Protein backbone atom coordinates (compact mmCIF):
# COMPACT_ATOMS: atom_id res chain seq x y z
CA MET A 1 -67.74 -57.25 -23.35
CA ARG A 2 -64.00 -57.78 -23.20
CA LYS A 3 -62.52 -57.36 -19.75
CA MET A 4 -59.84 -54.67 -19.50
CA CYS A 5 -56.46 -55.84 -18.24
CA PRO A 6 -55.29 -54.00 -15.12
CA VAL A 7 -52.35 -51.61 -15.35
CA ARG A 8 -49.31 -53.56 -14.17
CA LEU A 9 -46.39 -52.21 -12.17
CA SER A 10 -44.06 -53.02 -15.08
CA ASP A 11 -46.27 -50.93 -17.39
CA VAL A 12 -45.52 -47.87 -15.28
CA PHE A 13 -42.05 -48.12 -13.75
CA THR A 14 -39.58 -49.69 -16.16
CA PRO A 15 -36.08 -50.11 -14.65
CA GLY A 16 -33.96 -51.31 -17.55
CA GLY A 17 -36.82 -51.01 -20.04
CA LEU A 18 -38.28 -48.35 -22.32
CA PRO A 19 -40.63 -46.09 -20.32
CA SER A 20 -43.90 -44.81 -21.72
CA VAL A 21 -46.07 -43.58 -18.84
CA THR A 22 -43.04 -42.30 -16.91
CA TYR A 23 -41.04 -41.01 -19.87
CA VAL A 24 -39.71 -37.49 -19.23
CA SER A 25 -38.71 -35.62 -22.38
CA ARG A 26 -37.04 -32.64 -20.67
CA ASP A 27 -38.52 -30.38 -23.35
CA HIS A 28 -36.73 -27.30 -21.99
CA LEU A 29 -33.44 -28.85 -23.17
CA GLU A 30 -34.83 -29.65 -26.66
CA LEU A 31 -32.97 -32.97 -26.70
CA GLU A 32 -35.44 -34.76 -28.97
CA THR A 33 -35.40 -31.82 -31.36
CA LYS A 34 -31.59 -31.85 -31.54
CA ILE A 35 -31.53 -35.53 -32.47
CA GLU A 36 -34.40 -35.13 -34.95
CA ASP A 37 -32.56 -32.20 -36.58
CA ALA A 38 -29.34 -34.20 -36.83
CA LEU A 39 -31.20 -37.10 -38.45
CA ALA A 40 -32.98 -34.74 -40.85
CA ARG A 41 -29.70 -33.10 -41.84
CA GLY A 42 -28.07 -36.49 -42.40
CA PHE A 43 -24.65 -37.39 -43.80
CA SER A 44 -22.96 -37.40 -40.37
CA PHE A 45 -22.03 -39.75 -37.57
CA ILE A 46 -24.32 -38.62 -34.74
CA VAL A 47 -22.54 -39.08 -31.40
CA VAL A 48 -24.83 -38.82 -28.36
CA THR A 49 -22.99 -38.62 -25.04
CA GLY A 50 -24.03 -38.48 -21.41
CA PRO A 51 -23.27 -39.98 -17.99
CA THR A 52 -23.64 -43.73 -17.63
CA LYS A 53 -27.26 -44.95 -17.37
CA SER A 54 -28.56 -41.41 -17.90
CA GLY A 55 -31.21 -42.21 -20.51
CA LYS A 56 -29.30 -41.81 -23.80
CA THR A 57 -30.69 -45.05 -25.22
CA VAL A 58 -34.24 -44.30 -24.10
CA LEU A 59 -34.05 -40.83 -25.68
CA CYS A 60 -32.79 -42.10 -29.05
CA LYS A 61 -35.26 -44.97 -29.21
CA ARG A 62 -38.06 -42.56 -28.36
CA VAL A 63 -37.11 -40.37 -31.32
CA LEU A 64 -36.88 -43.43 -33.60
CA LYS A 65 -39.96 -45.21 -32.22
CA ASN A 66 -41.83 -45.16 -35.55
CA GLN A 67 -38.93 -46.61 -37.53
CA LYS A 68 -37.27 -49.97 -37.83
CA VAL A 69 -33.93 -49.59 -36.06
CA VAL A 70 -30.96 -51.93 -35.80
CA THR A 71 -29.39 -51.68 -32.34
CA VAL A 72 -25.96 -53.05 -31.47
CA GLU A 73 -24.76 -53.24 -27.85
CA GLY A 74 -21.09 -52.29 -27.73
CA GLY A 75 -20.46 -54.41 -24.66
CA ARG A 76 -21.18 -57.56 -26.68
CA ILE A 77 -18.78 -56.77 -29.52
CA ARG A 78 -15.36 -58.42 -29.35
CA SER A 79 -14.41 -58.20 -33.03
CA GLU A 80 -15.41 -56.54 -36.28
CA ALA A 81 -16.97 -59.85 -37.37
CA ASP A 82 -19.20 -59.82 -34.26
CA PHE A 83 -20.48 -56.39 -35.21
CA TRP A 84 -21.47 -57.22 -38.78
CA LEU A 85 -22.87 -60.65 -37.98
CA HIS A 86 -25.11 -59.04 -35.36
CA ILE A 87 -26.44 -56.57 -37.94
CA ALA A 88 -26.84 -59.30 -40.57
CA ALA A 89 -28.93 -61.34 -38.13
CA SER A 90 -31.01 -58.29 -37.18
CA VAL A 91 -32.07 -57.72 -40.81
CA ASN A 92 -32.45 -61.46 -41.55
CA LEU A 93 -29.62 -61.73 -44.05
CA PRO A 94 -28.74 -65.30 -45.15
CA VAL A 95 -25.24 -66.65 -44.62
CA GLU A 96 -25.10 -67.80 -48.24
CA LYS A 97 -26.93 -67.33 -51.53
CA THR A 98 -27.69 -69.82 -54.27
CA LEU A 99 -27.82 -68.68 -57.89
CA THR A 100 -29.39 -71.17 -60.33
CA SER A 101 -28.87 -71.04 -64.11
CA THR A 102 -31.15 -73.09 -66.41
CA GLU A 103 -30.43 -74.27 -69.97
CA ALA A 104 -33.21 -75.65 -72.22
CA LEU A 105 -32.75 -78.01 -75.24
CA THR A 106 -35.79 -78.15 -77.56
CA THR A 107 -36.27 -80.71 -80.38
CA ALA A 108 -39.13 -80.11 -82.86
CA PHE A 109 -40.80 -82.74 -85.03
CA ASN A 110 -43.15 -81.78 -87.95
CA GLY A 111 -45.44 -84.11 -90.02
CA GLU A 112 -47.64 -83.02 -92.91
CA GLY A 113 -50.14 -84.81 -95.32
CA SER A 114 -53.09 -84.05 -97.65
CA GLY A 115 -56.28 -85.79 -98.75
CA GLY A 116 -59.86 -85.27 -99.98
CA ILE A 117 -62.33 -85.98 -102.78
CA PRO A 118 -60.94 -84.81 -106.05
CA GLY A 119 -62.89 -81.93 -107.56
CA ILE A 120 -64.89 -81.31 -104.40
CA PHE A 121 -62.45 -80.29 -101.62
CA SER A 122 -59.00 -80.94 -100.41
CA ALA A 123 -57.59 -80.83 -96.90
CA LYS A 124 -54.09 -80.48 -95.43
CA ALA A 125 -53.19 -81.87 -92.04
CA GLY A 126 -50.03 -81.34 -90.02
CA THR A 127 -48.67 -82.23 -86.57
CA THR A 128 -45.89 -80.60 -84.61
CA ARG A 129 -44.28 -82.04 -81.41
CA SER A 130 -41.69 -80.35 -79.29
CA ASP A 131 -39.69 -82.13 -76.59
CA SER A 132 -37.88 -79.91 -74.12
CA GLU A 133 -35.16 -80.95 -71.70
CA GLN A 134 -33.89 -78.58 -68.97
CA THR A 135 -30.66 -78.71 -67.03
CA ALA A 136 -30.15 -76.59 -63.89
CA THR A 137 -26.84 -75.60 -62.37
CA ALA A 138 -26.77 -74.29 -58.78
CA ASN A 139 -23.89 -72.18 -57.56
CA LYS A 140 -23.57 -71.23 -53.89
CA PHE A 141 -21.87 -68.03 -52.82
CA ALA A 142 -20.90 -67.06 -49.26
CA VAL A 143 -22.47 -63.78 -48.17
CA VAL A 144 -19.92 -61.23 -46.92
CA PRO A 145 -21.67 -59.80 -43.81
CA VAL A 146 -20.12 -56.32 -43.94
CA ILE A 147 -21.06 -55.77 -47.59
CA ALA A 148 -24.51 -57.34 -47.36
CA ALA A 149 -25.38 -55.59 -44.08
CA ILE A 150 -24.38 -52.15 -45.34
CA GLU A 151 -26.24 -52.66 -48.62
CA ARG A 152 -29.41 -53.62 -46.74
CA LEU A 153 -29.17 -50.73 -44.27
CA VAL A 154 -28.57 -48.19 -47.04
CA ALA A 155 -31.22 -49.61 -49.39
CA ASP A 156 -33.92 -49.66 -46.71
CA ARG A 157 -32.71 -46.51 -44.89
CA ILE A 158 -32.60 -48.39 -41.59
CA PRO A 159 -31.01 -46.30 -38.80
CA LEU A 160 -28.10 -47.97 -37.00
CA LEU A 161 -27.78 -47.30 -33.26
CA VAL A 162 -24.61 -48.45 -31.50
CA ASP A 163 -25.06 -48.32 -27.73
CA ASP A 164 -21.98 -48.05 -25.48
CA PHE A 165 -19.69 -47.46 -28.46
CA HIS A 166 -16.89 -46.73 -25.99
CA TYR A 167 -16.92 -50.38 -24.86
CA ILE A 168 -15.62 -51.48 -28.27
CA ASP A 169 -11.87 -51.94 -28.70
CA PRO A 170 -10.28 -48.94 -30.50
CA GLU A 171 -8.98 -51.09 -33.37
CA VAL A 172 -12.44 -52.56 -33.89
CA GLN A 173 -13.93 -49.06 -33.66
CA LYS A 174 -11.60 -47.93 -36.43
CA ALA A 175 -12.57 -50.81 -38.72
CA ILE A 176 -16.28 -50.15 -38.09
CA ILE A 177 -16.01 -46.41 -38.78
CA GLN A 178 -14.02 -47.04 -41.96
CA SER A 179 -16.64 -49.52 -43.20
CA LEU A 180 -19.56 -47.21 -42.35
CA LYS A 181 -17.97 -44.06 -43.75
CA SER A 182 -19.23 -44.43 -47.33
CA ALA A 183 -22.67 -45.54 -46.12
CA VAL A 184 -22.99 -42.40 -43.98
CA PHE A 185 -21.97 -40.32 -46.99
CA GLU A 186 -24.83 -42.00 -48.88
CA GLY A 187 -27.27 -40.93 -46.17
CA LEU A 188 -27.36 -43.87 -43.74
CA PRO A 189 -28.37 -42.62 -40.24
CA VAL A 190 -25.77 -43.80 -37.70
CA LEU A 191 -26.01 -42.94 -33.99
CA LEU A 192 -23.14 -43.76 -31.63
CA LEU A 193 -23.84 -43.57 -27.88
CA ALA A 194 -20.97 -43.05 -25.45
CA VAL A 195 -19.89 -41.49 -22.16
CA PRO A 196 -18.74 -37.84 -22.29
CA HIS A 197 -14.97 -38.32 -22.16
CA ARG A 198 -15.17 -40.77 -25.10
CA ALA A 199 -17.23 -38.45 -27.32
CA PHE A 200 -14.54 -38.04 -29.94
CA ASP A 201 -13.53 -41.68 -30.35
CA PRO A 202 -14.79 -41.73 -33.99
CA LEU A 203 -12.46 -38.82 -34.81
CA THR A 204 -9.58 -40.34 -32.87
CA VAL A 205 -9.71 -43.63 -34.77
CA GLU A 206 -10.51 -42.14 -38.19
CA ARG A 207 -9.57 -38.53 -38.94
CA GLU A 208 -11.33 -38.55 -42.30
CA VAL A 209 -14.78 -38.36 -40.69
CA GLU A 210 -14.00 -34.87 -39.42
CA GLY A 211 -16.70 -32.64 -40.89
CA ARG A 212 -19.08 -35.62 -40.97
CA PHE A 213 -19.49 -35.63 -37.21
CA LYS A 214 -22.31 -34.27 -35.03
CA HIS A 215 -21.94 -34.29 -31.24
CA ILE A 216 -25.05 -34.03 -29.04
CA PRO A 217 -24.21 -33.92 -25.30
CA ILE A 218 -26.93 -34.98 -22.85
CA PRO A 219 -26.82 -32.88 -19.64
CA ALA A 220 -27.10 -34.37 -16.17
CA TRP A 221 -30.62 -34.63 -14.76
CA SER A 222 -31.92 -31.92 -12.46
CA LEU A 223 -33.98 -32.77 -9.39
CA GLU A 224 -36.97 -30.99 -10.96
CA ASP A 225 -36.84 -33.28 -14.00
CA LEU A 226 -36.31 -36.46 -11.98
CA VAL A 227 -39.31 -35.77 -9.75
CA GLN A 228 -41.56 -36.01 -12.81
CA ILE A 229 -40.94 -39.78 -12.90
CA PRO A 230 -42.65 -40.63 -9.56
CA ALA A 231 -45.13 -37.78 -10.06
CA LYS A 232 -46.33 -39.41 -13.29
CA GLY A 233 -46.03 -43.02 -12.18
CA PHE A 234 -47.59 -43.38 -8.75
CA PRO A 235 -51.01 -41.93 -9.74
CA GLU A 236 -51.20 -44.44 -12.62
CA LEU A 237 -51.17 -47.20 -9.99
CA ASN A 238 -53.61 -45.37 -7.70
CA ALA A 239 -50.73 -45.13 -5.24
CA ARG A 240 -50.62 -42.06 -3.03
CA VAL A 241 -47.09 -40.97 -2.17
CA GLU A 242 -46.34 -37.67 -0.47
CA ARG A 243 -44.43 -35.13 -2.52
CA LYS A 244 -41.58 -35.04 0.01
CA VAL A 245 -41.19 -38.81 -0.30
CA GLN A 246 -41.07 -38.54 -4.09
CA THR A 247 -38.43 -35.83 -3.76
CA ARG A 248 -36.38 -37.94 -1.39
CA ILE A 249 -36.42 -40.88 -3.82
CA CYS A 250 -34.95 -38.60 -6.47
CA GLU A 251 -32.39 -37.08 -4.11
CA ASP A 252 -31.25 -40.58 -3.17
CA SER A 253 -30.88 -41.64 -6.82
CA PHE A 254 -27.64 -39.67 -7.35
CA GLY A 255 -29.15 -37.90 -10.36
CA ASN A 256 -29.93 -41.11 -12.26
CA PRO A 257 -33.36 -41.71 -13.90
CA LEU A 258 -32.86 -45.48 -14.12
CA LEU A 259 -32.23 -45.65 -10.39
CA VAL A 260 -35.38 -43.57 -9.77
CA GLN A 261 -37.38 -46.09 -11.82
CA ASP A 262 -35.81 -48.95 -9.87
CA ILE A 263 -36.50 -47.42 -6.46
CA CYS A 264 -40.12 -46.58 -7.34
CA SER A 265 -40.71 -50.13 -8.58
CA GLU A 266 -39.17 -51.76 -5.50
CA PHE A 267 -40.98 -49.34 -3.16
CA CYS A 268 -44.29 -50.36 -4.72
CA LEU A 269 -43.48 -54.05 -4.29
CA LYS A 270 -42.52 -53.44 -0.67
CA ASN A 271 -46.01 -51.96 -0.23
CA LYS A 272 -47.60 -54.97 -2.01
CA VAL A 273 -48.49 -52.95 -5.11
CA ARG A 274 -48.10 -55.06 -8.26
CA GLU A 275 -50.84 -53.46 -10.33
CA LYS A 276 -53.25 -50.54 -10.26
CA ALA A 277 -55.40 -50.62 -7.14
CA ALA A 278 -59.18 -50.33 -7.41
CA LYS A 279 -59.12 -47.48 -4.89
CA PRO A 280 -56.41 -44.93 -4.02
CA ARG A 281 -53.94 -46.37 -1.56
CA LYS A 282 -51.31 -44.57 0.49
CA LEU A 283 -47.86 -46.14 0.46
CA ASN A 284 -46.01 -46.40 3.77
CA PRO A 285 -43.00 -44.01 3.72
CA LYS A 286 -41.39 -45.94 6.60
CA LEU A 287 -40.69 -48.75 4.14
CA LEU A 288 -38.48 -46.56 1.94
CA GLU A 289 -35.19 -47.09 3.79
CA THR A 290 -35.91 -50.81 4.06
CA THR A 291 -36.38 -50.78 0.29
CA TYR A 292 -33.02 -49.07 -0.17
CA ILE A 293 -31.15 -51.52 2.04
CA GLU A 294 -32.69 -54.58 0.40
CA MET A 295 -31.91 -53.18 -3.06
CA ALA A 296 -28.29 -52.57 -2.10
CA ASP A 297 -27.93 -55.99 -0.49
CA SER A 298 -29.35 -57.79 -3.51
CA LYS A 299 -27.61 -55.84 -6.27
CA GLY A 300 -24.35 -54.55 -4.85
CA PHE A 301 -22.36 -57.68 -4.03
CA PRO A 302 -20.74 -58.02 -7.49
CA SER A 303 -19.46 -54.43 -7.24
CA LEU A 304 -17.76 -55.13 -3.92
CA GLU A 305 -16.23 -58.35 -5.24
CA ILE A 306 -14.82 -56.58 -8.31
CA LEU A 307 -13.31 -53.66 -6.40
CA THR A 308 -11.71 -55.84 -3.73
CA ARG A 309 -10.45 -58.46 -6.21
CA THR A 310 -6.97 -56.93 -6.37
CA PRO A 311 -3.43 -58.39 -6.43
CA ASN A 312 -2.44 -60.19 -3.22
CA ALA A 313 -5.96 -59.78 -1.81
CA ARG A 314 -5.58 -62.86 0.39
CA ALA A 315 -2.18 -61.75 1.66
CA ARG A 316 -3.31 -58.31 2.80
CA ALA A 317 -3.24 -57.81 6.55
CA LEU A 318 -6.56 -57.32 8.33
CA ARG A 319 -7.23 -54.14 10.32
CA LYS A 320 -9.12 -54.13 13.59
CA MET A 321 -12.26 -52.03 13.26
CA ARG A 322 -13.77 -49.71 15.83
CA GLY A 323 -16.58 -51.61 17.53
CA GLY A 324 -15.15 -55.03 16.68
CA GLY A 325 -14.41 -57.14 13.64
CA GLU A 326 -11.62 -57.02 11.08
CA GLU A 327 -11.38 -55.89 7.44
CA ASP A 328 -8.61 -55.64 4.88
CA ILE A 329 -7.61 -52.11 3.88
CA ASN A 330 -9.42 -52.08 0.51
CA LYS A 331 -12.81 -52.99 1.93
CA ALA A 332 -12.26 -50.68 4.90
CA LEU A 333 -11.44 -47.81 2.52
CA LEU A 334 -14.65 -48.41 0.55
CA THR A 335 -16.53 -48.16 3.84
CA SER A 336 -14.67 -44.92 4.59
CA ILE A 337 -15.65 -43.51 1.19
CA ALA A 338 -19.26 -44.53 1.83
CA ARG A 339 -19.23 -42.58 5.12
CA LEU A 340 -18.39 -39.40 3.18
CA GLY A 341 -21.71 -39.50 1.33
CA PRO A 342 -20.58 -41.12 -0.83
CA LYS A 343 -19.73 -38.09 -2.97
CA ASN A 344 -18.95 -37.94 -6.67
CA THR A 345 -15.48 -36.67 -5.76
CA SER A 346 -13.61 -37.27 -2.49
CA ASN A 347 -10.24 -35.77 -1.52
CA LEU A 348 -7.45 -37.93 -0.13
CA SER A 349 -7.35 -35.97 3.14
CA ASP A 350 -11.08 -36.60 3.73
CA ILE A 351 -10.72 -40.29 2.89
CA ARG A 352 -7.81 -40.69 5.35
CA LEU A 353 -9.75 -38.99 8.16
CA SER A 354 -12.81 -41.14 7.50
CA TYR A 355 -10.64 -44.26 7.39
CA GLU A 356 -8.98 -43.36 10.67
CA ALA A 357 -12.40 -42.86 12.26
CA ILE A 358 -13.50 -46.46 11.60
CA LEU A 359 -10.24 -48.10 12.74
CA ASP A 360 -9.72 -49.35 16.26
CA PRO A 361 -8.29 -46.45 18.35
CA SER A 362 -5.37 -48.63 19.42
CA LEU A 363 -4.00 -48.70 15.86
CA PRO A 364 -1.53 -46.07 14.59
CA LYS A 365 -2.79 -43.44 12.18
CA PRO A 366 -2.90 -44.74 8.59
CA ARG A 367 0.05 -43.65 6.47
CA LYS A 368 -0.61 -41.69 3.30
CA ALA A 369 1.44 -44.10 1.17
CA GLU A 370 -0.55 -47.18 2.18
CA VAL A 371 -3.88 -45.41 1.59
CA VAL A 372 -2.80 -44.19 -1.86
CA LYS A 373 -1.54 -47.66 -2.80
CA ALA A 374 -4.88 -49.21 -1.82
CA LEU A 375 -6.84 -46.56 -3.75
CA GLU A 376 -4.68 -47.25 -6.81
CA GLN A 377 -5.43 -50.97 -6.51
CA ILE A 378 -9.18 -50.35 -6.23
CA SER A 379 -9.06 -48.03 -9.24
CA SER A 380 -7.10 -50.59 -11.28
CA ALA A 381 -9.66 -53.28 -10.41
CA ALA A 382 -12.47 -51.01 -11.64
CA LYS A 383 -10.66 -50.36 -14.93
CA ALA A 384 -9.92 -54.05 -15.45
CA ASN A 385 -13.61 -54.88 -15.18
CA GLY A 386 -14.43 -53.62 -18.68
CA GLN A 387 -13.46 -51.46 -21.63
CA GLY A 388 -15.94 -48.73 -20.86
CA GLN A 389 -15.98 -46.07 -18.20
CA PRO A 390 -14.79 -47.51 -14.85
CA SER A 391 -17.17 -47.21 -11.91
CA LEU A 392 -14.57 -45.21 -10.00
CA GLU A 393 -11.13 -43.76 -10.70
CA TRP A 394 -8.23 -42.50 -8.60
CA ILE A 395 -6.78 -39.25 -10.02
CA PRO A 396 -3.22 -39.10 -8.59
CA GLU A 397 -2.35 -35.58 -9.77
CA LYS A 398 -5.39 -34.20 -7.93
CA GLU A 399 -5.33 -36.73 -5.08
CA GLN A 400 -9.03 -37.35 -5.64
CA LEU A 401 -11.26 -40.40 -6.01
CA VAL A 402 -14.06 -39.94 -8.57
CA ILE A 403 -17.14 -42.22 -8.60
CA THR A 404 -18.93 -42.23 -11.95
CA ASP A 405 -21.48 -45.01 -11.40
CA PRO A 406 -24.60 -43.93 -9.48
CA PHE A 407 -25.46 -47.56 -8.72
CA LEU A 408 -22.09 -47.98 -6.99
CA GLN A 409 -22.77 -44.83 -4.96
CA PHE A 410 -26.17 -46.19 -3.98
CA TYR A 411 -24.64 -49.51 -2.94
CA LEU A 412 -21.88 -47.86 -0.91
CA LYS A 413 -24.40 -45.69 0.90
CA TRP A 414 -27.02 -48.29 1.70
CA HIS A 415 -24.88 -51.37 2.21
CA LEU A 416 -21.41 -50.49 3.47
CA ARG A 417 -22.35 -47.24 5.19
CA LYS A 418 -25.26 -48.84 7.06
CA ARG A 419 -23.21 -51.78 8.33
């Protein structure tokens, strides 16, 4: 009898992967139905938008799980050629074709004679021989990726899913939309995934697709929906986790399902759970905060480097901190923001008060102008890090700092705030 493989941790909690056991459909929002209806209707660019890392890709791939799908990651596309070459490779298109034409030359020979016994019978004999010579001419043609890729997608009705469409340069977006326009009109399913404020990029770059455009917004996750992830996952591993601990994990995830998956996975590892236990086992809730801190320490450093990598970073004066030590203003401000929650949105007045509270009491109160300048530098650094949605943004007209990346919030809370 074949031995059954144990259920592995990675089979249950899938940070960065496609969940099965812990997939939450949020049926009350009818999200799968909306995408299925848009695909059934056809003849439109389907634009699915939602906060960063909120499960847009998982949702679409779940709907398309029984179909062959070509997926393109917008963050990897630097040119129109990149886009079409990626698709061509995904459907195994050759880079060139060879057409061979054959000509045949046939020469026939015929011989004939007769013989026999006169008056009794006669016979006639003949022979025919044909010699054939063939000549073949091979002509090679370069395959044009955009034409060949579209022809294959349309012919085989293969859905095209472009993740993080907003990461693609606007000029490249325009060229892609123009090339796909006729294919969509022929019925090719095309799904473009983006963040909410970039929902109408396809219309912005190409007005002619107006009327061939379907927008499906994905709402933020509620606590009730998030809690279903640990509620489904822990029992599959025979891990007993109190409901209040499961709720806290979700509260500390800043509304992000991917972060919930990540925390649950790391919490299991901290409790030495790598696969389903033979008997139910209670996980130690005291290890949860340790899990948070270790996650932040191991994953947050690049974020800090990016946000503090601003002009004249080495020349900035260091500020004495309350309790000892020195920091430059940008890093000190990030610590101040962390002390406020960190919240999705923080007002300038709150940031200044928090900043003042961590400075050495002997220092003068921080001036508004220097705080604003530093916040502008941090915001610029976040924008320069990529073409998509920045992790945070300073809104000068509202005097507010907005954090859009839940992983940055998690890092600020469990690394800088706990220092």
